[in-house]
Protein backbone atom coordinates (compact mmCIF):
# COMPACT_ATOMS: atom_id res chain seq x y z
CA MET A 1 9.26 11.15 -5.72
CA GLU A 2 8.20 7.85 -7.22
CA VAL A 3 5.72 5.39 -5.70
CA LEU A 4 5.86 1.74 -6.84
CA SER A 5 3.75 -1.29 -5.98
CA SER A 6 5.45 -4.19 -4.29
CA VAL A 7 5.30 -7.66 -5.79
CA ALA A 8 4.12 -9.35 -2.58
CA SER A 9 1.03 -7.16 -2.32
CA LEU A 10 -0.44 -8.32 -5.62
CA GLY A 11 -1.83 -11.51 -4.17
CA ILE A 12 -1.21 -13.25 -7.50
CA SER A 13 1.75 -13.95 -9.70
CA VAL A 14 1.98 -11.52 -12.61
CA ARG A 15 4.24 -12.51 -15.46
CA GLY A 16 6.70 -9.71 -16.06
CA TYR A 17 6.54 -8.32 -12.51
CA ASP A 18 8.55 -10.37 -10.08
CA GLU A 19 11.13 -9.44 -7.46
CA GLU A 20 13.98 -9.31 -9.97
CA VAL A 21 12.02 -7.06 -12.34
CA LEU A 22 11.10 -4.76 -9.46
CA THR A 23 14.68 -4.53 -8.20
CA GLY A 24 15.76 -3.79 -11.79
CA ILE A 25 13.29 -0.90 -11.97
CA ILE A 26 14.53 0.37 -8.62
CA ARG A 27 18.16 0.20 -9.81
CA GLN A 28 17.23 2.26 -12.87
CA LEU A 29 15.48 4.88 -10.73
CA LYS A 30 18.58 5.19 -8.49
CA PRO A 31 16.68 6.46 -5.47
CA ASP A 32 18.61 7.95 -2.58
CA LYS A 33 16.18 6.39 -0.08
CA ILE A 34 13.63 3.59 -0.35
CA PHE A 35 10.73 3.82 2.09
CA LEU A 36 9.14 0.41 2.73
CA THR A 37 5.54 1.04 3.78
CA GLU A 38 4.58 -2.59 4.36
CA ILE A 39 7.16 -3.35 7.02
CA SER A 40 8.07 -1.65 10.27
CA GLU A 41 11.53 -0.94 11.60
CA ALA A 42 11.00 -3.63 14.26
CA GLU A 43 10.07 -6.27 11.65
CA TYR A 44 12.81 -5.43 9.17
CA PRO A 45 15.81 -7.16 10.82
CA LYS A 46 13.93 -10.47 10.93
CA ILE A 47 13.08 -10.54 7.23
CA SER A 48 15.91 -8.57 5.62
CA ALA A 49 18.31 -11.52 5.61
CA SER A 50 16.46 -13.39 2.85
CA GLY A 51 13.95 -13.00 0.06
CA PHE A 52 13.08 -9.73 -1.64
CA TYR A 53 14.49 -7.40 1.02
CA HIS A 54 17.83 -9.21 0.91
CA LEU A 55 17.84 -8.97 -2.90
CA LEU A 56 16.96 -5.28 -2.66
CA ARG A 57 19.78 -4.57 -0.20
CA LYS A 58 22.29 -6.38 -2.42
CA SER A 59 21.20 -4.65 -5.62
CA THR A 60 21.14 -1.01 -4.56
CA ASP A 61 23.19 1.53 -2.65
CA SER A 62 20.00 3.31 -1.58
CA GLU A 63 19.26 3.79 2.08
CA ILE A 64 16.44 1.37 2.91
CA MET A 65 14.00 2.75 5.45
CA PRO A 66 11.26 0.53 6.87
CA SER A 67 8.31 2.90 7.36
CA GLY A 68 5.34 0.71 8.21
CA VAL A 69 3.36 1.01 11.42
CA SER A 70 1.63 -1.58 13.55
CA SER A 71 -1.83 -2.38 12.23
CA GLU A 72 -3.05 -3.53 15.66
CA PRO A 73 -4.75 -0.28 16.76
CA PHE A 74 -6.50 0.03 13.41
CA GLU A 75 -7.61 -3.61 13.45
CA LYS A 76 -8.87 -3.17 17.02
CA PHE A 77 -10.91 -0.14 16.00
CA ARG A 78 -12.28 -2.07 13.00
CA ASP A 79 -13.24 -5.08 15.13
CA GLU A 80 -14.96 -2.91 17.74
CA TYR A 81 -16.74 -0.89 15.06
CA VAL A 82 -18.01 -3.99 13.28
CA ALA A 83 -19.18 -5.59 16.54
CA GLU A 84 -20.94 -2.43 17.66
CA LYS A 85 -22.31 -0.90 14.46
CA LEU A 86 -22.79 -3.67 11.91
CA ASN A 87 -25.53 -5.52 13.72
CA THR A 88 -28.47 -4.47 11.57
CA PRO A 89 -29.62 -6.17 8.37
CA GLU A 90 -29.16 -2.94 6.37
CA LEU A 91 -25.55 -2.50 7.46
CA THR A 92 -24.80 -6.17 6.88
CA ILE A 93 -26.11 -5.81 3.31
CA LYS A 94 -23.90 -2.75 2.77
CA LYS A 95 -20.88 -4.65 4.12
CA ASN A 96 -21.62 -7.60 1.81
CA MET A 97 -22.06 -5.23 -1.16
CA LEU A 98 -18.65 -3.69 -0.48
CA GLY A 99 -17.11 -7.16 -0.27
CA LEU A 100 -18.58 -8.00 -3.66
CA ILE A 101 -17.19 -4.78 -5.15
CA ASP A 102 -13.77 -5.55 -3.67
CA ASP A 103 -13.80 -9.04 -5.20
CA THR A 104 -14.88 -7.65 -8.58
CA ILE A 105 -12.06 -5.09 -8.63
CA TYR A 106 -9.41 -7.69 -7.81
CA ASN A 107 -10.81 -10.14 -10.40
CA TYR A 108 -10.70 -7.42 -13.08
CA LEU A 109 -7.18 -6.34 -12.14
CA ALA A 110 -5.92 -9.93 -12.18
CA GLN A 111 -6.85 -9.99 -15.86
CA TYR A 112 -5.56 -6.47 -16.57
CA TRP A 113 -2.15 -6.71 -14.93
CA LYS A 114 0.51 -7.74 -17.45
CA GLY A 115 3.64 -6.18 -15.97
CA PRO A 116 5.05 -3.07 -14.31
CA ASP A 117 3.22 -0.58 -16.51
CA THR A 118 -0.25 -1.97 -15.82
CA ILE A 119 0.33 -2.64 -12.13
CA ASN A 120 1.73 0.86 -11.56
CA SER A 121 -0.86 2.53 -13.76
CA GLU A 122 -3.49 5.18 -13.32
CA VAL A 123 -6.13 2.55 -14.17
CA THR A 124 -5.09 0.47 -11.17
CA ASP A 125 -4.85 3.56 -8.97
CA SER A 126 -8.25 4.85 -10.14
CA LEU A 127 -10.01 1.60 -9.32
CA PHE A 128 -8.61 1.54 -5.79
CA ARG A 129 -9.26 5.27 -5.36
CA ALA A 130 -12.91 4.74 -6.39
CA LYS A 131 -13.21 1.72 -4.12
CA HIS A 132 -12.06 3.65 -1.07
CA LYS A 133 -14.18 6.66 -1.96
CA LEU A 134 -17.21 4.35 -2.07
CA PHE A 135 -16.21 2.64 1.18
CA SER A 136 -15.85 6.07 2.78
CA SER A 137 -19.31 7.12 1.61
CA VAL A 138 -20.85 4.00 3.15
CA PHE A 139 -18.78 3.73 6.34
CA PHE A 140 -16.99 7.08 6.72
CA GLU A 141 -15.93 6.67 10.36
CA LEU A 142 -14.54 3.19 9.74
CA GLU A 143 -12.65 4.14 6.56
CA ASN A 144 -11.28 7.34 8.06
CA SER A 145 -10.20 5.77 11.35
CA THR A 146 -8.54 2.76 9.75
CA TRP A 147 -7.45 3.21 6.12
CA ASP A 148 -6.76 6.95 6.18
CA GLU A 149 -5.29 7.15 9.68
CA GLN A 150 -2.95 4.20 9.13
CA HIS A 151 -1.67 5.72 5.90
CA ARG A 152 -1.24 9.13 7.56
CA ALA A 153 0.79 7.45 10.32
CA ILE A 154 3.04 5.83 7.70
CA MET A 155 3.46 9.19 5.95
CA GLU A 156 4.62 10.66 9.27
CA VAL A 157 7.29 7.96 9.52
CA ILE A 158 8.36 8.70 5.94
CA LYS A 159 8.44 12.43 6.68
CA LYS A 160 10.79 11.83 9.63
CA GLY A 161 13.14 10.04 7.20
CA ASN A 162 13.61 13.30 5.25
CA PRO A 163 12.60 12.12 1.78
CA THR A 164 13.81 13.97 -1.30
CA ASP A 165 12.55 14.17 -4.86
CA ALA A 166 14.93 11.27 -5.60
CA SER A 167 13.37 9.02 -2.95
CA LEU A 168 11.12 6.03 -3.62
CA VAL A 169 8.08 4.79 -1.75
CA LEU A 170 7.47 1.05 -2.10
CA SER A 171 3.89 0.25 -1.12
CA ASP A 172 1.22 -2.36 -1.45
CA VAL A 173 -0.65 -2.12 -4.74
CA GLU A 174 -3.91 -0.91 -3.20
CA SER A 175 -2.21 1.89 -1.27
CA ARG A 176 -0.13 3.25 -4.14
CA TYR A 177 -2.77 5.79 -5.18
CA TRP A 178 -3.09 7.05 -1.57
CA TYR A 179 0.60 7.79 -1.25
CA LYS A 180 0.73 9.44 -4.68
CA ASP A 181 -2.30 11.57 -3.85
CA HIS A 182 -0.88 12.64 -0.47
CA LEU A 183 2.79 13.33 -1.23
CA ASN A 184 2.07 16.92 -0.22
CA LEU A 185 1.93 15.70 3.42
CA LEU A 186 5.69 15.25 3.23
CA LYS A 187 6.26 18.97 2.81
CA ASP A 188 6.47 21.22 5.85
């Protein structure tokens, strides 16, 4: 199973990796199913009539399966956690340090990304993997109850769609490593 980064999740325009390039890569892969992790089944009908999702539907015979989940419960947990636990100077400093690291990673990657091979690379995955490992070491409960749990919920939706080795997961760039590292969750 292949996992690719979406174009929209990059946050910047990367020459050589636009919606047409991505749909071309998907056509070459000829997946039987495409699992869209950034959009839920409820959201899909509203946005599938235009833009990238319309282009994707027109350019492939693959079954397109919206697999995202609502972020509301995870955002609620995050908001409550921050309000309750991040009220000391030490924790505020840690939070600011993590924000600085996040900015640094994205600034580096903006310079590194040159097309599909760099965006969907182990370098990109490793930076995000390290970022989330660090975040987890500083705020384990927050990272586990938001980032990890939301991704596990999405993997459950994918699992219900009966993916095969010929299936494709289309994810945001930061999550790509997580899905690659946890493909074993799709096996019974």
